[in-house]
């Protein structure tokens, strides 16, 4: 009689390993992971690099896991820009109360505002790179939020500079609108330097340079003459 066949256990082929699956996480934690991956992809290669497949692969999960958190790419990018805009707004709110110098003439106010902003740029560079992305490269459904964030930065600079100019008796005919746009260019340049080379251009260095720059334009103080 022929011997009954016995099935042999299948062994994994040489050079292959079992596919690793991401451990289960609460959906809130997984959502944050996916958003972090999307942000990294945008920082590295722009919004065009973001797809559900690319984000899932970067996170180390399968696409079904990604779709459990987001309906699709549009939903994911909208959530990403919303999260990062909220982070920017928190920094702007902090910078708006940067009147910590204690000086009567608020000489240190612009520098403290800049230092607050640049410290945030240094600590979360991927978030702040979004300020430098050309708006035409941003998905249409997310442009409004980034536009609002940029407008808020300009509004903050206008408020702080107006207070600074008034406290330091700048000429009444000063063109504040032009001055604010010049200041915005300085702030954006400083942010770019911190993003590109934070060791060479730390926030303190840039803040000190801004104080020296503005001091050159402060009206000279007159001292009262000695009545004797």
N, C-alpha and C. Protein backbone atom coordinates (compact mmCIF):
# COMPACT_ATOMS: atom_id res chain seq x y z
N UNK A 1 0.84 -1.21 0.00
CA UNK A 1 0.00 0.00 0.00
C UNK A 1 0.88 1.26 0.00
N UNK A 2 0.47 2.24 -0.78
CA UNK A 2 1.27 3.47 -0.78
C UNK A 2 1.16 4.19 0.56
N UNK A 3 2.27 4.78 0.93
CA UNK A 3 2.30 5.50 2.20
C UNK A 3 1.48 6.79 2.08
N UNK A 4 0.69 7.06 3.11
CA UNK A 4 -0.09 8.31 3.07
C UNK A 4 0.83 9.52 3.06
N UNK A 5 0.44 10.51 2.27
CA UNK A 5 1.25 11.73 2.20
C UNK A 5 1.05 12.57 3.48
N UNK A 6 2.12 13.05 3.92
CA UNK A 6 2.06 13.95 5.10
C UNK A 6 2.50 15.34 4.64
N UNK A 7 1.72 16.32 4.99
CA UNK A 7 2.05 17.70 4.59
C UNK A 7 3.18 18.24 5.46
N UNK A 8 4.12 18.85 4.81
CA UNK A 8 5.24 19.45 5.53
C UNK A 8 4.95 20.93 5.77
N UNK A 9 5.33 21.38 6.94
CA UNK A 9 5.10 22.82 7.19
C UNK A 9 5.91 23.66 6.22
N UNK A 10 5.29 24.73 5.72
CA UNK A 10 6.00 25.61 4.79
C UNK A 10 6.96 26.50 5.56
N UNK A 11 8.17 26.53 5.06
CA UNK A 11 9.19 27.35 5.68
C UNK A 11 9.35 28.63 4.88
N UNK A 12 9.66 29.71 5.55
CA UNK A 12 9.85 30.95 4.79
C UNK A 12 11.05 30.84 3.88
N UNK A 13 10.94 31.42 2.69
CA UNK A 13 12.04 31.38 1.75
C UNK A 13 13.21 32.18 2.28
N UNK A 14 14.39 31.71 1.91
CA UNK A 14 15.59 32.38 2.37
C UNK A 14 15.60 33.82 1.87
N UNK A 15 16.07 34.72 2.71
CA UNK A 15 16.16 36.12 2.32
C UNK A 15 14.87 36.89 2.49
N UNK A 16 13.78 36.21 2.85
CA UNK A 16 12.51 36.91 3.05
C UNK A 16 12.14 36.92 4.53
N UNK A 17 11.57 37.96 4.94
CA UNK A 17 11.09 38.04 6.32
C UNK A 17 9.60 38.32 6.29
N UNK A 18 8.96 37.98 7.35
CA UNK A 18 7.53 38.24 7.42
C UNK A 18 7.27 39.73 7.41
N UNK A 19 6.17 40.09 6.76
CA UNK A 19 5.81 41.49 6.71
C UNK A 19 5.48 41.99 8.10
N UNK A 20 6.05 43.14 8.41
CA UNK A 20 5.81 43.71 9.73
C UNK A 20 4.60 44.63 9.66
N UNK A 21 3.71 44.45 10.59
CA UNK A 21 2.52 45.28 10.66
C UNK A 21 2.66 46.25 11.83
N UNK A 22 2.18 47.44 11.63
CA UNK A 22 2.26 48.42 12.70
C UNK A 22 1.38 48.00 13.86
N UNK A 23 1.88 48.24 15.03
CA UNK A 23 1.10 47.89 16.21
C UNK A 23 -0.15 48.76 16.27
N UNK A 24 -1.18 48.24 16.92
CA UNK A 24 -2.43 48.98 17.00
C UNK A 24 -2.27 50.18 17.92
N UNK A 25 -2.77 51.30 17.45
CA UNK A 25 -2.74 52.53 18.23
C UNK A 25 -4.13 53.13 18.24
N UNK A 26 -4.45 53.92 19.25
CA UNK A 26 -5.72 54.67 19.20
C UNK A 26 -5.73 55.52 17.93
N UNK A 27 -6.90 55.73 17.36
CA UNK A 27 -6.99 56.43 16.09
C UNK A 27 -6.44 57.85 16.19
N UNK A 28 -6.56 58.47 17.36
CA UNK A 28 -6.03 59.83 17.51
C UNK A 28 -4.51 59.84 17.37
N UNK A 29 -3.85 58.85 17.99
CA UNK A 29 -2.39 58.77 17.91
C UNK A 29 -1.96 58.43 16.49
N UNK A 30 -2.68 57.52 15.84
CA UNK A 30 -2.34 57.15 14.47
C UNK A 30 -2.53 58.34 13.53
N UNK A 31 -3.59 59.12 13.76
CA UNK A 31 -3.83 60.29 12.94
C UNK A 31 -2.65 61.27 13.03
N UNK A 32 -2.15 61.49 14.24
CA UNK A 32 -1.01 62.38 14.42
C UNK A 32 0.22 61.84 13.71
N UNK A 33 0.44 60.54 13.76
CA UNK A 33 1.57 59.94 13.05
C UNK A 33 1.49 60.20 11.55
N UNK A 34 0.30 60.01 11.01
CA UNK A 34 0.12 60.21 9.58
C UNK A 34 0.31 61.68 9.20
N UNK A 35 -0.17 62.58 10.02
CA UNK A 35 0.02 64.00 9.76
C UNK A 35 1.49 64.38 9.85
N UNK A 36 2.20 63.80 10.81
CA UNK A 36 3.64 64.06 10.92
C UNK A 36 4.37 63.59 9.66
N UNK A 37 3.98 62.43 9.16
CA UNK A 37 4.60 61.91 7.94
C UNK A 37 4.29 62.81 6.75
N UNK A 38 3.05 63.27 6.64
CA UNK A 38 2.67 64.16 5.55
C UNK A 38 3.46 65.47 5.62
N UNK A 39 3.63 65.99 6.82
CA UNK A 39 4.38 67.23 6.99
C UNK A 39 5.83 67.05 6.56
N UNK A 40 6.41 65.91 6.91
CA UNK A 40 7.80 65.64 6.51
C UNK A 40 7.93 65.55 5.00
N UNK A 41 6.96 64.91 4.36
CA UNK A 41 7.00 64.79 2.91
C UNK A 41 6.87 66.16 2.24
N UNK A 42 6.00 67.01 2.78
CA UNK A 42 5.86 68.36 2.23
C UNK A 42 7.16 69.13 2.40
N UNK A 43 7.77 69.02 3.57
CA UNK A 43 9.02 69.73 3.84
C UNK A 43 10.14 69.27 2.91
N UNK A 44 10.15 67.99 2.59
CA UNK A 44 11.21 67.44 1.76
C UNK A 44 10.98 67.68 0.27
N UNK A 45 9.72 67.53 -0.18
CA UNK A 45 9.48 67.52 -1.62
C UNK A 45 8.26 68.30 -2.08
N UNK A 46 7.58 69.00 -1.17
CA UNK A 46 6.42 69.78 -1.56
C UNK A 46 5.12 68.99 -1.47
N UNK A 47 4.01 69.69 -1.64
CA UNK A 47 2.69 69.08 -1.50
C UNK A 47 2.46 67.98 -2.53
N UNK A 48 3.11 68.09 -3.68
CA UNK A 48 2.91 67.08 -4.71
C UNK A 48 3.39 65.70 -4.32
N UNK A 49 4.26 65.63 -3.31
CA UNK A 49 4.79 64.33 -2.88
C UNK A 49 3.83 63.58 -1.97
N UNK A 50 2.75 64.25 -1.56
CA UNK A 50 1.84 63.64 -0.59
C UNK A 50 0.75 62.85 -1.32
N UNK A 51 0.67 61.59 -1.01
CA UNK A 51 -0.42 60.72 -1.45
C UNK A 51 -0.73 59.79 -0.28
N UNK A 52 -1.88 59.16 -0.31
CA UNK A 52 -2.21 58.23 0.77
C UNK A 52 -1.20 57.09 0.83
N UNK A 53 -0.76 56.62 -0.33
CA UNK A 53 0.22 55.54 -0.37
C UNK A 53 1.55 56.01 0.22
N UNK A 54 2.01 57.20 -0.19
CA UNK A 54 3.30 57.70 0.29
C UNK A 54 3.28 57.95 1.79
N UNK A 55 2.18 58.49 2.28
CA UNK A 55 2.08 58.78 3.72
C UNK A 55 2.02 57.48 4.52
N UNK A 56 1.25 56.51 4.03
CA UNK A 56 1.16 55.22 4.72
C UNK A 56 2.53 54.55 4.77
N UNK A 57 3.24 54.55 3.64
CA UNK A 57 4.55 53.91 3.59
C UNK A 57 5.54 54.62 4.51
N UNK A 58 5.50 55.96 4.52
CA UNK A 58 6.41 56.72 5.40
C UNK A 58 6.12 56.44 6.86
N UNK A 59 4.86 56.21 7.19
CA UNK A 59 4.47 55.95 8.58
C UNK A 59 4.71 54.51 8.98
N UNK A 60 4.79 53.62 7.97
CA UNK A 60 4.99 52.20 8.27
C UNK A 60 3.69 51.46 8.51
N UNK A 61 2.63 51.92 7.85
CA UNK A 61 1.33 51.26 7.98
C UNK A 61 0.80 50.95 6.58
N UNK A 62 -0.27 50.19 6.53
CA UNK A 62 -0.89 49.88 5.24
C UNK A 62 -1.85 51.00 4.86
N UNK A 63 -2.20 51.04 3.57
CA UNK A 63 -3.13 52.07 3.13
C UNK A 63 -4.50 51.97 3.81
N UNK A 64 -5.03 50.77 4.04
CA UNK A 64 -6.31 50.71 4.76
C UNK A 64 -6.25 51.38 6.12
N UNK A 65 -5.10 51.28 6.80
CA UNK A 65 -4.96 51.95 8.09
C UNK A 65 -5.04 53.47 7.89
N UNK A 66 -4.38 53.97 6.85
CA UNK A 66 -4.43 55.41 6.57
C UNK A 66 -5.85 55.86 6.23
N UNK A 67 -6.56 55.02 5.47
CA UNK A 67 -7.94 55.37 5.10
C UNK A 67 -8.89 55.26 6.29
N UNK A 68 -8.50 54.56 7.32
CA UNK A 68 -9.31 54.55 8.54
C UNK A 68 -9.33 55.93 9.19
N UNK A 69 -8.25 56.71 8.95
CA UNK A 69 -8.11 58.02 9.59
C UNK A 69 -8.55 59.17 8.69
N UNK A 70 -8.37 59.00 7.38
CA UNK A 70 -8.69 60.07 6.45
C UNK A 70 -9.42 59.51 5.23
N UNK A 71 -10.37 60.29 4.73
CA UNK A 71 -11.13 59.84 3.58
C UNK A 71 -10.29 59.79 2.32
N UNK A 72 -9.24 60.59 2.27
CA UNK A 72 -8.38 60.63 1.11
C UNK A 72 -7.36 61.74 1.24
N UNK A 73 -6.62 61.98 0.16
CA UNK A 73 -5.54 62.98 0.18
C UNK A 73 -6.05 64.37 0.53
N UNK A 74 -7.15 64.77 -0.05
CA UNK A 74 -7.69 66.11 0.21
C UNK A 74 -8.01 66.28 1.68
N UNK A 75 -8.63 65.29 2.26
CA UNK A 75 -8.98 65.33 3.69
C UNK A 75 -7.72 65.39 4.54
N UNK A 76 -6.72 64.61 4.18
CA UNK A 76 -5.48 64.58 4.94
C UNK A 76 -4.76 65.92 4.90
N UNK A 77 -4.65 66.51 3.70
CA UNK A 77 -3.94 67.78 3.58
C UNK A 77 -4.68 68.91 4.28
N UNK A 78 -6.01 68.88 4.23
CA UNK A 78 -6.79 69.89 4.93
C UNK A 78 -6.54 69.81 6.44
N UNK A 79 -6.48 68.58 6.96
CA UNK A 79 -6.22 68.39 8.38
C UNK A 79 -4.80 68.83 8.73
N UNK A 80 -3.86 68.55 7.83
CA UNK A 80 -2.47 68.94 8.07
C UNK A 80 -2.32 70.45 8.15
N UNK A 81 -2.83 71.16 7.16
CA UNK A 81 -2.68 72.61 7.15
C UNK A 81 -3.43 73.24 8.33
N UNK A 82 -4.59 72.68 8.68
CA UNK A 82 -5.33 73.18 9.83
C UNK A 82 -4.52 73.03 11.11
N UNK A 83 -3.87 71.88 11.28
CA UNK A 83 -3.07 71.65 12.49
C UNK A 83 -1.88 72.60 12.55
N UNK A 84 -1.18 72.75 11.44
CA UNK A 84 0.01 73.59 11.44
C UNK A 84 -0.34 75.07 11.57
N UNK A 85 -1.47 75.48 10.99
CA UNK A 85 -1.90 76.87 11.14
C UNK A 85 -2.21 77.16 12.61
N UNK A 86 -2.83 76.21 13.28
CA UNK A 86 -3.14 76.39 14.71
C UNK A 86 -1.85 76.54 15.52
N UNK A 87 -0.83 75.77 15.15
CA UNK A 87 0.47 75.88 15.83
C UNK A 87 1.10 77.24 15.59
N UNK A 88 1.00 77.74 14.37
CA UNK A 88 1.53 79.07 14.06
C UNK A 88 0.80 80.14 14.86
N UNK A 89 -0.52 80.03 14.90
CA UNK A 89 -1.31 81.03 15.63
C UNK A 89 -0.93 81.06 17.11
N UNK A 90 -0.65 79.90 17.68
CA UNK A 90 -0.25 79.86 19.09
C UNK A 90 1.05 80.63 19.30
N UNK A 91 1.97 80.50 18.36
CA UNK A 91 3.24 81.24 18.45
C UNK A 91 3.00 82.73 18.28
N UNK A 92 2.14 83.11 17.32
CA UNK A 92 1.85 84.53 17.12
C UNK A 92 1.21 85.14 18.36
N UNK A 93 0.34 84.35 19.01
CA UNK A 93 -0.29 84.84 20.24
C UNK A 93 0.76 85.07 21.32
N UNK A 94 1.71 84.15 21.42
CA UNK A 94 2.79 84.30 22.39
C UNK A 94 3.64 85.51 22.06
N UNK A 95 3.96 85.67 20.78
CA UNK A 95 4.79 86.80 20.37
C UNK A 95 4.09 88.13 20.57
N UNK A 96 2.77 88.12 20.49
CA UNK A 96 2.01 89.35 20.64
C UNK A 96 2.09 89.92 22.05
N UNK A 97 2.46 89.10 23.01
CA UNK A 97 2.61 89.59 24.38
C UNK A 97 4.08 89.53 24.77
N UNK A 98 4.93 89.78 23.79
CA UNK A 98 6.37 89.67 24.03
C UNK A 98 6.96 90.93 24.66
N UNK A 99 6.11 91.74 25.29
CA UNK A 99 6.57 92.95 25.95
C UNK A 99 7.15 92.57 27.31
N UNK A 100 8.30 91.92 27.27
CA UNK A 100 8.90 91.39 28.50
C UNK A 100 10.19 92.10 28.88
N UNK A 101 10.57 93.08 28.09
CA UNK A 101 11.87 93.71 28.34
C UNK A 101 11.87 94.55 29.60
N UNK A 102 10.72 95.10 29.95
CA UNK A 102 10.66 95.93 31.14
C UNK A 102 11.17 97.34 30.91
N UNK A 103 11.70 97.60 29.71
CA UNK A 103 12.22 98.93 29.42
C UNK A 103 11.08 99.90 29.17
N UNK A 104 11.22 101.11 29.70
CA UNK A 104 10.15 102.08 29.55
C UNK A 104 9.91 102.43 28.09
N UNK A 105 10.97 102.46 27.29
CA UNK A 105 10.80 102.83 25.89
C UNK A 105 10.57 101.62 24.99
N UNK A 106 10.43 100.43 25.59
CA UNK A 106 10.16 99.20 24.86
C UNK A 106 11.21 98.96 23.77
N UNK A 107 12.44 99.32 24.06
CA UNK A 107 13.51 99.14 23.08
C UNK A 107 13.69 97.68 22.70
N UNK A 108 13.45 96.78 23.64
CA UNK A 108 13.67 95.37 23.36
C UNK A 108 12.47 94.63 22.78
N UNK A 109 11.34 95.35 22.56
CA UNK A 109 10.13 94.69 22.10
C UNK A 109 10.29 94.00 20.74
N UNK A 110 10.79 94.66 19.70
CA UNK A 110 10.92 93.97 18.41
C UNK A 110 11.83 92.75 18.49
N UNK A 111 12.92 92.87 19.22
CA UNK A 111 13.85 91.75 19.33
C UNK A 111 13.21 90.57 20.05
N UNK A 112 12.44 90.87 21.10
CA UNK A 112 11.80 89.78 21.85
C UNK A 112 10.74 89.10 21.00
N UNK A 113 10.02 89.89 20.21
CA UNK A 113 9.04 89.31 19.30
C UNK A 113 9.72 88.41 18.27
N UNK A 114 10.82 88.91 17.70
CA UNK A 114 11.55 88.12 16.71
C UNK A 114 12.13 86.86 17.34
N UNK A 115 12.66 86.98 18.54
CA UNK A 115 13.24 85.81 19.21
C UNK A 115 12.18 84.73 19.46
N UNK A 116 10.99 85.14 19.86
CA UNK A 116 9.91 84.18 20.08
C UNK A 116 9.58 83.43 18.79
N UNK A 117 9.48 84.19 17.70
CA UNK A 117 9.16 83.60 16.41
C UNK A 117 10.28 82.66 15.94
N UNK A 118 11.52 83.11 16.01
CA UNK A 118 12.63 82.31 15.49
C UNK A 118 12.90 81.07 16.34
N UNK A 119 12.64 81.16 17.62
CA UNK A 119 12.78 79.96 18.47
C UNK A 119 11.78 78.90 18.04
N UNK A 120 10.56 79.32 17.71
CA UNK A 120 9.57 78.37 17.21
C UNK A 120 10.01 77.78 15.87
N UNK A 121 10.58 78.61 14.99
CA UNK A 121 11.08 78.13 13.70
C UNK A 121 12.17 77.09 13.91
N UNK A 122 13.08 77.38 14.81
CA UNK A 122 14.19 76.45 15.08
C UNK A 122 13.69 75.13 15.65
N UNK A 123 12.69 75.20 16.53
CA UNK A 123 12.23 74.00 17.22
C UNK A 123 11.27 73.15 16.38
N UNK A 124 10.61 73.75 15.41
CA UNK A 124 9.66 73.00 14.56
C UNK A 124 9.82 73.46 13.12
N UNK A 125 10.97 73.19 12.51
CA UNK A 125 11.24 73.74 11.17
C UNK A 125 10.26 73.31 10.09
N UNK A 126 9.79 72.05 10.16
CA UNK A 126 8.87 71.59 9.11
C UNK A 126 7.58 72.40 9.09
N UNK A 127 7.09 72.77 10.27
CA UNK A 127 5.88 73.59 10.34
C UNK A 127 6.09 74.93 9.65
N UNK A 128 7.20 75.59 9.95
CA UNK A 128 7.41 76.95 9.48
C UNK A 128 7.86 77.01 8.03
N UNK A 129 8.31 75.90 7.49
CA UNK A 129 8.61 75.89 6.05
C UNK A 129 7.35 76.16 5.22
N UNK A 130 6.19 75.88 5.81
CA UNK A 130 4.95 76.14 5.10
C UNK A 130 4.75 77.62 4.79
N UNK A 131 5.37 78.49 5.60
CA UNK A 131 5.26 79.93 5.33
C UNK A 131 6.01 80.32 4.07
N UNK A 132 6.94 79.48 3.65
CA UNK A 132 7.78 79.82 2.51
C UNK A 132 7.38 79.09 1.23
N UNK A 133 6.36 78.26 1.32
CA UNK A 133 5.87 77.56 0.13
C UNK A 133 5.08 78.54 -0.73
N UNK A 134 5.40 78.69 -2.03
CA UNK A 134 4.60 79.57 -2.88
C UNK A 134 3.13 79.14 -2.85
N UNK A 135 2.24 80.10 -2.71
CA UNK A 135 0.83 79.77 -2.57
C UNK A 135 0.29 78.99 -3.76
N UNK A 136 0.83 79.25 -4.95
CA UNK A 136 0.33 78.51 -6.11
C UNK A 136 0.68 77.03 -6.04
N UNK A 137 1.65 76.67 -5.18
CA UNK A 137 2.01 75.26 -5.02
C UNK A 137 1.20 74.57 -3.93
N UNK A 138 0.38 75.35 -3.22
CA UNK A 138 -0.45 74.80 -2.14
C UNK A 138 -1.79 74.37 -2.73
N UNK A 139 -2.29 73.19 -2.35
CA UNK A 139 -3.62 72.78 -2.84
C UNK A 139 -4.65 73.86 -2.57
N UNK A 140 -5.52 74.07 -3.54
CA UNK A 140 -6.46 75.19 -3.49
C UNK A 140 -7.29 75.20 -2.20
N UNK A 141 -7.69 74.02 -1.74
CA UNK A 141 -8.54 73.96 -0.56
C UNK A 141 -7.80 74.34 0.73
N UNK A 142 -6.47 74.43 0.65
CA UNK A 142 -5.68 74.76 1.85
C UNK A 142 -5.06 76.14 1.79
N UNK A 143 -5.17 76.81 0.64
CA UNK A 143 -4.51 78.11 0.48
C UNK A 143 -5.04 79.16 1.45
N UNK A 144 -6.35 79.12 1.68
CA UNK A 144 -6.95 80.16 2.52
C UNK A 144 -6.36 80.15 3.92
N UNK A 145 -6.13 78.96 4.47
CA UNK A 145 -5.59 78.88 5.83
C UNK A 145 -4.16 79.41 5.89
N UNK A 146 -3.33 79.04 4.91
CA UNK A 146 -1.96 79.54 4.92
C UNK A 146 -1.93 81.04 4.64
N UNK A 147 -2.81 81.50 3.80
CA UNK A 147 -2.90 82.94 3.54
C UNK A 147 -3.26 83.67 4.82
N UNK A 148 -4.17 83.10 5.60
CA UNK A 148 -4.58 83.72 6.86
C UNK A 148 -3.42 83.76 7.85
N UNK A 149 -2.62 82.69 7.89
CA UNK A 149 -1.47 82.65 8.80
C UNK A 149 -0.45 83.73 8.43
N UNK A 150 -0.21 83.90 7.15
CA UNK A 150 0.74 84.93 6.71
C UNK A 150 0.21 86.32 7.00
N UNK A 151 -1.09 86.50 6.84
CA UNK A 151 -1.69 87.79 7.14
C UNK A 151 -1.61 88.09 8.64
N UNK A 152 -1.74 87.06 9.45
CA UNK A 152 -1.66 87.26 10.90
C UNK A 152 -0.25 87.68 11.32
N UNK A 153 0.75 87.11 10.67
CA UNK A 153 2.13 87.51 10.96
C UNK A 153 2.31 88.99 10.63
N UNK A 154 1.80 89.42 9.49
CA UNK A 154 1.92 90.83 9.10
C UNK A 154 1.18 91.73 10.10
N UNK A 155 0.01 91.30 10.54
CA UNK A 155 -0.76 92.07 11.51
C UNK A 155 -0.01 92.19 12.84
N UNK A 156 0.62 91.10 13.26
CA UNK A 156 1.41 91.13 14.50
C UNK A 156 2.56 92.13 14.38
N UNK A 157 3.26 92.10 13.25
CA UNK A 157 4.39 93.01 13.05
C UNK A 157 3.91 94.46 13.05
N UNK A 158 2.75 94.70 12.42
CA UNK A 158 2.23 96.06 12.38
C UNK A 158 1.91 96.57 13.80
N UNK A 159 1.26 95.72 14.59
CA UNK A 159 0.90 96.12 15.96
C UNK A 159 2.15 96.40 16.79
N UNK A 160 3.13 95.49 16.73
CA UNK A 160 4.32 95.65 17.54
C UNK A 160 5.14 96.85 17.09
N UNK A 161 5.27 97.05 15.77
CA UNK A 161 6.06 98.18 15.30
C UNK A 161 5.38 99.51 15.64
N UNK A 162 4.06 99.56 15.55
CA UNK A 162 3.34 100.79 15.88
C UNK A 162 3.56 101.16 17.34
N UNK A 163 3.51 100.17 18.22
CA UNK A 163 3.77 100.42 19.64
C UNK A 163 5.21 100.88 19.85
N UNK A 164 6.13 100.23 19.16
CA UNK A 164 7.55 100.57 19.30
C UNK A 164 7.81 101.99 18.80
N UNK A 165 7.25 102.34 17.64
CA UNK A 165 7.48 103.67 17.07
C UNK A 165 6.90 104.75 17.96
N UNK A 166 5.71 104.50 18.52
CA UNK A 166 5.09 105.50 19.40
C UNK A 166 5.90 105.68 20.67
N UNK A 167 6.36 104.58 21.25
CA UNK A 167 7.11 104.66 22.51
C UNK A 167 8.45 105.34 22.31
N UNK A 168 8.99 105.27 21.10
CA UNK A 168 10.30 105.85 20.84
C UNK A 168 10.24 107.15 20.04
N UNK A 169 9.02 107.71 19.95
CA UNK A 169 8.82 109.04 19.37
C UNK A 169 9.33 109.15 17.94
N UNK A 170 8.96 108.15 17.11
CA UNK A 170 9.31 108.23 15.70
C UNK A 170 8.54 109.37 15.06
N UNK A 171 9.03 109.93 13.96
CA UNK A 171 8.33 111.07 13.32
C UNK A 171 6.89 110.73 12.98
N UNK A 172 6.02 111.71 13.10
CA UNK A 172 4.60 111.50 12.84
C UNK A 172 4.33 111.16 11.38
N UNK A 173 5.22 111.63 10.49
CA UNK A 173 5.01 111.37 9.07
C UNK A 173 5.64 110.06 8.60
N UNK A 174 6.06 109.23 9.53
CA UNK A 174 6.65 107.93 9.17
C UNK A 174 5.62 107.10 8.40
N UNK A 175 6.04 106.54 7.27
CA UNK A 175 5.16 105.67 6.48
C UNK A 175 5.16 104.28 7.12
N UNK A 176 4.22 104.07 8.03
CA UNK A 176 4.18 102.82 8.79
C UNK A 176 3.96 101.62 7.88
N UNK A 177 3.13 101.80 6.86
CA UNK A 177 2.82 100.70 5.96
C UNK A 177 4.09 100.16 5.29
N UNK A 178 4.90 101.06 4.75
CA UNK A 178 6.15 100.63 4.11
C UNK A 178 7.11 100.06 5.15
N UNK A 179 7.19 100.72 6.31
CA UNK A 179 8.10 100.25 7.36
C UNK A 179 7.76 98.83 7.79
N UNK A 180 6.46 98.54 7.91
CA UNK A 180 6.04 97.21 8.34
C UNK A 180 6.40 96.16 7.28
N UNK A 181 6.23 96.50 6.01
CA UNK A 181 6.59 95.54 4.97
C UNK A 181 8.11 95.31 4.93
N UNK A 182 8.88 96.35 5.20
CA UNK A 182 10.33 96.16 5.30
C UNK A 182 10.68 95.26 6.48
N UNK A 183 9.98 95.49 7.60
CA UNK A 183 10.21 94.66 8.78
C UNK A 183 9.81 93.21 8.51
N UNK A 184 8.72 93.03 7.78
CA UNK A 184 8.30 91.68 7.43
C UNK A 184 9.38 90.98 6.59
N UNK A 185 9.97 91.71 5.66
CA UNK A 185 11.04 91.12 4.85
C UNK A 185 12.21 90.70 5.73
N UNK A 186 12.53 91.51 6.73
CA UNK A 186 13.62 91.16 7.65
C UNK A 186 13.27 89.90 8.43
N UNK A 187 12.05 89.85 8.94
CA UNK A 187 11.61 88.69 9.73
C UNK A 187 11.62 87.42 8.89
N UNK A 188 11.11 87.51 7.66
CA UNK A 188 11.09 86.33 6.80
C UNK A 188 12.50 85.90 6.42
N UNK A 189 13.39 86.87 6.18
CA UNK A 189 14.78 86.53 5.90
C UNK A 189 15.42 85.84 7.10
N UNK A 190 15.15 86.37 8.29
CA UNK A 190 15.71 85.77 9.50
C UNK A 190 15.20 84.35 9.69
N UNK A 191 13.91 84.14 9.44
CA UNK A 191 13.36 82.80 9.53
C UNK A 191 14.01 81.84 8.55
N UNK A 192 14.25 82.32 7.34
CA UNK A 192 14.90 81.47 6.33
C UNK A 192 16.31 81.11 6.74
N UNK A 193 17.02 82.08 7.33
CA UNK A 193 18.40 81.79 7.79
C UNK A 193 18.38 80.73 8.89
N UNK A 194 17.44 80.84 9.81
CA UNK A 194 17.34 79.86 10.89
C UNK A 194 16.99 78.48 10.34
N UNK A 195 16.13 78.44 9.34
CA UNK A 195 15.78 77.16 8.73
C UNK A 195 16.97 76.52 8.02
N UNK A 196 17.73 77.33 7.32
CA UNK A 196 18.83 76.81 6.51
C UNK A 196 20.08 76.51 7.32
N UNK A 197 20.35 77.35 8.33
CA UNK A 197 21.60 77.19 9.08
C UNK A 197 21.40 77.65 10.52
N UNK A 198 20.66 76.87 11.33
CA UNK A 198 20.34 77.31 12.70
C UNK A 198 21.55 77.47 13.60
N UNK A 199 22.63 76.73 13.33
CA UNK A 199 23.82 76.87 14.17
C UNK A 199 24.52 78.21 13.95
N UNK A 200 24.55 78.64 12.70
CA UNK A 200 25.21 79.90 12.38
C UNK A 200 24.32 81.10 12.67
N UNK A 201 23.01 80.91 12.54
CA UNK A 201 22.08 82.01 12.74
C UNK A 201 21.06 81.67 13.82
N UNK A 202 21.50 81.57 15.07
CA UNK A 202 20.56 81.26 16.16
C UNK A 202 19.63 82.45 16.42
N UNK A 203 18.50 82.21 17.05
CA UNK A 203 17.55 83.31 17.31
C UNK A 203 18.16 84.50 18.04
N UNK A 204 19.02 84.25 19.02
CA UNK A 204 19.60 85.36 19.77
C UNK A 204 20.44 86.28 18.89
N UNK A 205 21.19 85.69 17.97
CA UNK A 205 22.01 86.51 17.08
C UNK A 205 21.15 87.40 16.20
N UNK A 206 20.09 86.83 15.67
CA UNK A 206 19.23 87.60 14.78
C UNK A 206 18.48 88.69 15.56
N UNK A 207 18.06 88.38 16.78
CA UNK A 207 17.34 89.37 17.58
C UNK A 207 18.25 90.54 17.95
N UNK A 208 19.49 90.24 18.30
CA UNK A 208 20.45 91.30 18.63
C UNK A 208 20.71 92.20 17.43
N UNK A 209 20.82 91.58 16.25
CA UNK A 209 21.06 92.35 15.03
C UNK A 209 19.87 93.26 14.72
N UNK A 210 18.64 92.77 14.98
CA UNK A 210 17.46 93.60 14.72
C UNK A 210 17.45 94.82 15.63
N UNK A 211 17.80 94.63 16.90
CA UNK A 211 17.85 95.77 17.83
C UNK A 211 18.84 96.82 17.34
N UNK A 212 20.03 96.37 16.92
CA UNK A 212 21.04 97.31 16.42
C UNK A 212 20.55 98.03 15.17
N UNK A 213 19.85 97.31 14.31
CA UNK A 213 19.33 97.91 13.08
C UNK A 213 18.30 98.98 13.40
N UNK A 214 17.36 98.67 14.29
CA UNK A 214 16.31 99.64 14.62
C UNK A 214 16.86 100.83 15.40
N UNK A 215 17.90 100.60 16.20
CA UNK A 215 18.50 101.70 16.96
C UNK A 215 19.07 102.77 16.04
N UNK A 216 19.48 102.34 14.85
CA UNK A 216 20.04 103.31 13.90
C UNK A 216 18.99 104.30 13.41
N UNK A 217 17.71 103.92 13.54
CA UNK A 217 16.64 104.78 13.05
C UNK A 217 15.87 105.46 14.18
N UNK A 218 16.21 105.13 15.42
CA UNK A 218 15.50 105.77 16.52
C UNK A 218 15.91 107.24 16.61
N UNK A 219 14.96 108.12 16.79
CA UNK A 219 15.32 109.54 16.94
C UNK A 219 16.25 109.74 18.14
N UNK A 220 17.21 110.64 17.98
CA UNK A 220 18.14 110.89 19.07
C UNK A 220 17.39 111.57 20.22
N UNK A 221 17.70 111.09 21.42
CA UNK A 221 17.03 111.66 22.59
C UNK A 221 17.70 112.98 22.97
N UNK A 222 16.90 113.91 23.28
CA UNK A 222 17.45 115.20 23.73
C UNK A 222 17.42 115.25 25.24
N UNK A 223 18.47 115.77 25.82
CA UNK A 223 18.54 115.88 27.27
C UNK A 223 18.23 117.33 27.66
N UNK A 224 17.45 117.53 28.68
CA UNK A 224 17.11 118.90 29.08
C UNK A 224 18.36 119.67 29.48
N UNK A 225 18.41 120.94 29.13
CA UNK A 225 19.58 121.76 29.47
C UNK A 225 19.61 122.05 30.97
N UNK A 226 20.80 122.25 31.47
CA UNK A 226 20.99 122.52 32.90
C UNK A 226 20.52 123.94 33.19
N UNK A 227 19.50 124.10 34.02
CA UNK A 227 18.99 125.46 34.29
C UNK A 227 20.01 126.37 34.92
N UNK A 228 21.05 125.79 35.56
CA UNK A 228 22.05 126.64 36.20
C UNK A 228 22.99 127.20 35.14
